[in-house]
Amino acid sequence: MQEKKQRENDEKANIDQQARMWDQDKKNYEEEESRLRSRIKAINKDNASYLMQQVDAKNKNHARMNPNEMALNKPILREANQKLKAMS
């Protein structure tokens, strides 16, 4: 009878230990997932910032012609505009 009780107690202790291990594994998994999510979020934020800087730089560089360029290109632009009007 004593042996049976001891086996039952051992079995219960093993089940309890396994439950604690599963609980610890779950906590470790959740911590790792949280760390990965925050890392991915930071990387995405950095990428978005970099892309926005590129867009801003591109828009800044493709602004209107400066006055010297306009003076040089004015006759060519006038001719192109007249040809477009003639075609319409």
C-alpha atoms as a PDB file:
ATOM      1  CA  MET A   1       0.000   0.000   0.000  1.00  0.00           C
ATOM      2  CA  GLN A   2       2.863   2.301   0.868  1.00  0.00           C
ATOM      3  CA  GLU A   3       4.508   1.632  -2.513  1.00  0.00           C
ATOM      4  CA  LYS A   4       1.326   2.534  -4.366  1.00  0.00           C
ATOM      5  CA  LYS A   5       1.062   5.832  -2.467  1.00  0.00           C
ATOM      6  CA  GLN A   6       4.732   6.537  -3.189  1.00  0.00           C
ATOM      7  CA  ARG A   7       4.223   5.872  -6.913  1.00  0.00           C
ATOM      8  CA  GLU A   8       1.157   8.121  -6.961  1.00  0.00           C
ATOM      9  CA  ASN A   9       3.100  10.862  -5.194  1.00  0.00           C
ATOM     10  CA  ASP A  10       6.024  10.452  -7.594  1.00  0.00           C
ATOM     11  CA  GLU A  11       3.646  10.574 -10.563  1.00  0.00           C
ATOM     12  CA  LYS A  12       1.976  13.714  -9.181  1.00  0.00           C
ATOM     13  CA  ALA A  13       5.392  15.317  -8.575  1.00  0.00           C
ATOM     14  CA  ASN A  14       6.415  14.507 -12.153  1.00  0.00           C
ATOM     15  CA  ILE A  15       3.180  15.987 -13.518  1.00  0.00           C
ATOM     16  CA  ASP A  16       3.658  19.114 -11.385  1.00  0.00           C
ATOM     17  CA  GLN A  17       7.262  19.459 -12.532  1.00  0.00           C
ATOM     18  CA  GLN A  18       6.207  19.086 -16.166  1.00  0.00           C
ATOM     19  CA  ALA A  19       3.507  21.737 -15.671  1.00  0.00           C
ATOM     20  CA  ARG A  20       6.088  24.128 -14.193  1.00  0.00           C
ATOM     21  CA  MET A  21       8.425  23.441 -17.123  1.00  0.00           C
ATOM     22  CA  TRP A  22       5.627  24.117 -19.611  1.00  0.00           C
ATOM     23  CA  ASP A  23       4.775  27.314 -17.775  1.00  0.00           C
ATOM     24  CA  GLN A  24       8.418  28.427 -17.897  1.00  0.00           C
ATOM     25  CA  ASP A  25       8.626  27.502 -21.597  1.00  0.00           C
ATOM     26  CA  LYS A  26       5.496  29.573 -22.260  1.00  0.00           C
ATOM     27  CA  LYS A  27       6.966  32.570 -20.436  1.00  0.00           C
ATOM     28  CA  ASN A  28      10.246  32.247 -22.356  1.00  0.00           C
ATOM     29  CA  TYR A  29       8.363  31.975 -25.647  1.00  0.00           C
ATOM     30  CA  GLU A  30       6.240  35.045 -24.895  1.00  0.00           C
ATOM     31  CA  GLU A  31       9.315  37.069 -23.894  1.00  0.00           C
ATOM     32  CA  GLU A  32      11.132  36.075 -27.082  1.00  0.00           C
ATOM     33  CA  GLU A  33       8.104  36.875 -29.247  1.00  0.00           C
ATOM     34  CA  SER A  34       7.748  40.243 -27.542  1.00  0.00           C
ATOM     35  CA  ARG A  35      11.436  40.974 -28.101  1.00  0.00           C
ATOM     36  CA  LEU A  36      11.155  39.990 -31.769  1.00  0.00           C
ATOM     37  CA  ARG A  37       8.018  42.100 -32.268  1.00  0.00           C
ATOM     38  CA  SER A  38       9.682  45.154 -30.774  1.00  0.00           C
ATOM     39  CA  ARG A  39      12.832  44.553 -32.865  1.00  0.00           C
ATOM     40  CA  ILE A  40      10.787  44.197 -36.059  1.00  0.00           C
ATOM     41  CA  LYS A  41       8.796  47.303 -35.158  1.00  0.00           C
ATOM     42  CA  ALA A  42      12.026  49.284 -34.660  1.00  0.00           C
ATOM     43  CA  ILE A  43      13.463  48.031 -37.970  1.00  0.00           C
ATOM     44  CA  ASN A  44      10.238  48.916 -39.807  1.00  0.00           C
ATOM     45  CA  LYS A  45      10.250  52.366 -38.226  1.00  0.00           C
ATOM     46  CA  ASP A  46      13.886  52.907 -39.299  1.00  0.00           C
ATOM     47  CA  ASN A  47      13.101  51.721 -42.829  1.00  0.00           C
ATOM     48  CA  ALA A  48      10.086  54.022 -43.083  1.00  0.00           C
ATOM     49  CA  SER A  49      12.158  56.942 -41.865  1.00  0.00           C
ATOM     50  CA  TYR A  50      14.912  56.170 -44.385  1.00  0.00           C
ATOM     51  CA  LEU A  51      12.411  55.892 -47.229  1.00  0.00           C
ATOM     52  CA  MET A  52      10.747  59.165 -46.258  1.00  0.00           C
ATOM     53  CA  GLN A  53      14.169  60.854 -46.264  1.00  0.00           C
ATOM     54  CA  GLN A  54      14.767  59.497 -49.760  1.00  0.00           C
ATOM     55  CA  VAL A  55      11.389  60.774 -50.952  1.00  0.00           C
ATOM     56  CA  ASP A  56      12.032  64.191 -49.412  1.00  0.00           C
ATOM     57  CA  ALA A  57      15.503  64.362 -50.971  1.00  0.00           C
ATOM     58  CA  LYS A  58      14.114  63.366 -54.358  1.00  0.00           C
ATOM     59  CA  ASN A  59      11.329  65.934 -54.148  1.00  0.00           C
ATOM     60  CA  LYS A  60      13.789  68.589 -53.048  1.00  0.00           C
ATOM     61  CA  ASN A  61      16.155  67.810 -55.938  1.00  0.00           C
ATOM     62  CA  HIS A  62      13.376  67.822 -58.530  1.00  0.00           C
ATOM     63  CA  ALA A  63      12.083  71.270 -57.762  1.00  0.00           C
ATOM     64  CA  ARG A  64      11.580  73.926 -60.382  1.00  0.00           C
ATOM     65  CA  MET A  65      14.454  74.999 -62.588  1.00  0.00           C
ATOM     66  CA  ASN A  66      16.731  77.601 -61.149  1.00  0.00           C
ATOM     67  CA  PRO A  67      16.692  80.990 -62.926  1.00  0.00           C
ATOM     68  CA  ASN A  68      19.855  80.268 -64.947  1.00  0.00           C
ATOM     69  CA  GLU A  69      18.456  76.983 -66.249  1.00  0.00           C
ATOM     70  CA  MET A  70      15.176  78.685 -67.097  1.00  0.00           C
ATOM     71  CA  ALA A  71      16.966  81.410 -69.036  1.00  0.00           C
ATOM     72  CA  LEU A  72      18.944  78.817 -71.027  1.00  0.00           C
ATOM     73  CA  ASN A  73      15.954  76.565 -71.709  1.00  0.00           C
ATOM     74  CA  LYS A  74      13.284  79.218 -72.323  1.00  0.00           C
ATOM     75  CA  PRO A  75      13.577  79.187 -76.147  1.00  0.00           C
ATOM     76  CA  ILE A  76      13.528  75.382 -76.249  1.00  0.00           C
ATOM     77  CA  LEU A  77      10.547  75.234 -73.903  1.00  0.00           C
ATOM     78  CA  ARG A  78       8.675  77.858 -75.949  1.00  0.00           C
ATOM     79  CA  GLU A  79       9.307  75.871 -79.148  1.00  0.00           C
ATOM     80  CA  ALA A  80       8.147  72.604 -77.548  1.00  0.00           C
ATOM     81  CA  ASN A  81       5.028  74.315 -76.222  1.00  0.00           C
ATOM     82  CA  GLN A  82       4.196  75.704 -79.672  1.00  0.00           C
ATOM     83  CA  LYS A  83       4.627  72.278 -81.261  1.00  0.00           C
ATOM     84  CA  LEU A  84       2.285  70.750 -78.671  1.00  0.00           C
ATOM     85  CA  LYS A  85      -0.337  73.452 -79.350  1.00  0.00           C
ATOM     86  CA  ALA A  86       0.002  72.890 -83.097  1.00  0.00           C
ATOM     87  CA  MET A  87      -0.557  69.146 -82.666  1.00  0.00           C
ATOM     88  CA  SER A  88      -3.705  69.639 -80.597  1.00  0.00           C
END
